[in-house]
Amino acid sequence: MATVTIRYWAGARDAAGVESEEFEAGTVADALRQAEARRGGAAEFGRVLGLCSFLLDGRRLGAEDRTRPLAGGVELEALPPFAGG
């Protein structure tokens, strides 16, 4: 189990309504499920997360990495598509 701090950028921050939040989670997928549940399954938040790229402790996260076990404290950044790139 890890303490996962999710930092939201740009449109992800708007959809989340906060800059960051913490969850106790065993995987990235679990932390993201908890973030969605915290918002009552809000469709816009889920849609934006579905568009995001993620960095875990500064490294790009592949889809297969979302289910790898986490330990300690980690930072997950949610990066929505930005204009022009």
Protein backbone atom coordinates (compact mmCIF):
# COMPACT_ATOMS: atom_id res chain seq x y z
CA MET A 1 0.00 0.00 0.00
CA ALA A 2 1.23 3.49 -0.81
CA THR A 3 0.28 7.09 -0.18
CA VAL A 4 -0.48 8.37 -3.69
CA THR A 5 -0.59 12.12 -4.20
CA ILE A 6 -2.41 12.92 -7.43
CA ARG A 7 -1.56 16.33 -8.91
CA TYR A 8 -3.98 17.57 -11.53
CA TRP A 9 -2.92 19.95 -14.31
CA ALA A 10 -4.97 22.33 -16.49
CA GLY A 11 -8.35 20.83 -17.48
CA ALA A 12 -7.84 17.89 -15.12
CA ARG A 13 -7.56 20.38 -12.24
CA ASP A 14 -10.77 22.05 -13.39
CA ALA A 15 -12.60 18.72 -13.56
CA ALA A 16 -11.25 17.57 -10.18
CA GLY A 17 -11.94 20.87 -8.45
CA VAL A 18 -8.64 20.61 -6.56
CA GLU A 19 -4.94 20.90 -7.39
CA SER A 20 -4.00 17.69 -5.61
CA GLU A 21 -5.29 15.02 -3.27
CA GLU A 22 -4.00 11.94 -1.47
CA PHE A 23 -5.18 8.35 -1.41
CA GLU A 24 -3.99 5.15 0.22
CA ALA A 25 -3.81 2.72 -2.69
CA GLY A 26 -2.03 -0.42 -3.79
CA THR A 27 -1.90 0.56 -7.47
CA VAL A 28 -2.35 3.61 -9.68
CA ALA A 29 -5.58 2.09 -11.00
CA ASP A 30 -6.90 1.86 -7.43
CA ALA A 31 -5.99 5.50 -6.70
CA LEU A 32 -7.77 6.64 -9.87
CA ARG A 33 -10.87 4.60 -8.96
CA GLN A 34 -10.90 6.26 -5.56
CA ALA A 35 -10.59 9.71 -7.16
CA GLU A 36 -13.57 8.96 -9.40
CA ALA A 37 -15.59 7.58 -6.47
CA ARG A 38 -14.85 10.71 -4.44
CA ARG A 39 -16.67 12.65 -7.15
CA GLY A 40 -19.62 10.27 -7.25
CA GLY A 41 -18.63 8.94 -10.68
CA ALA A 42 -19.00 12.39 -12.31
CA ALA A 43 -18.96 11.82 -16.06
CA GLU A 44 -16.84 14.89 -16.88
CA PHE A 45 -14.11 13.92 -14.41
CA GLY A 46 -13.99 10.37 -15.80
CA ARG A 47 -13.91 11.68 -19.36
CA VAL A 48 -11.00 14.01 -18.62
CA LEU A 49 -9.05 11.29 -16.79
CA GLY A 50 -9.55 9.06 -19.82
CA LEU A 51 -7.76 11.65 -21.97
CA CYS A 52 -4.86 12.19 -19.57
CA SER A 53 -1.29 11.04 -19.74
CA PHE A 54 0.22 10.20 -16.37
CA LEU A 55 3.63 10.62 -14.79
CA LEU A 56 4.56 8.55 -11.74
CA ASP A 57 7.36 10.19 -9.81
CA GLY A 58 8.31 12.09 -12.98
CA ARG A 59 8.32 9.09 -15.33
CA ARG A 60 5.74 8.47 -18.04
CA LEU A 61 3.30 5.78 -16.99
CA GLY A 62 2.21 3.14 -19.51
CA ALA A 63 -1.24 1.53 -19.35
CA GLU A 64 0.33 -1.72 -18.11
CA ASP A 65 1.99 0.15 -15.23
CA ARG A 66 -1.35 1.13 -13.69
CA THR A 67 -1.72 -2.26 -12.01
CA ARG A 68 1.82 -2.66 -10.66
CA PRO A 69 2.02 -2.67 -6.87
CA LEU A 70 3.05 0.59 -5.21
CA ALA A 71 4.81 1.17 -1.90
CA GLY A 72 5.81 4.21 0.12
CA GLY A 73 4.85 7.67 -1.03
CA VAL A 74 4.47 8.39 -4.74
CA GLU A 75 3.36 11.34 -6.85
CA LEU A 76 1.03 10.80 -9.79
CA GLU A 77 0.54 13.70 -12.21
CA ALA A 78 -2.55 13.81 -14.43
CA LEU A 79 -1.74 15.67 -17.65
CA PRO A 80 -4.63 16.33 -20.04
CA PRO A 81 -3.87 17.06 -23.70
CA PHE A 82 -2.58 20.61 -24.05
CA ALA A 83 -3.30 22.94 -26.98
CA GLY A 84 -0.73 22.55 -29.72
CA GLY A 85 0.66 19.27 -28.57
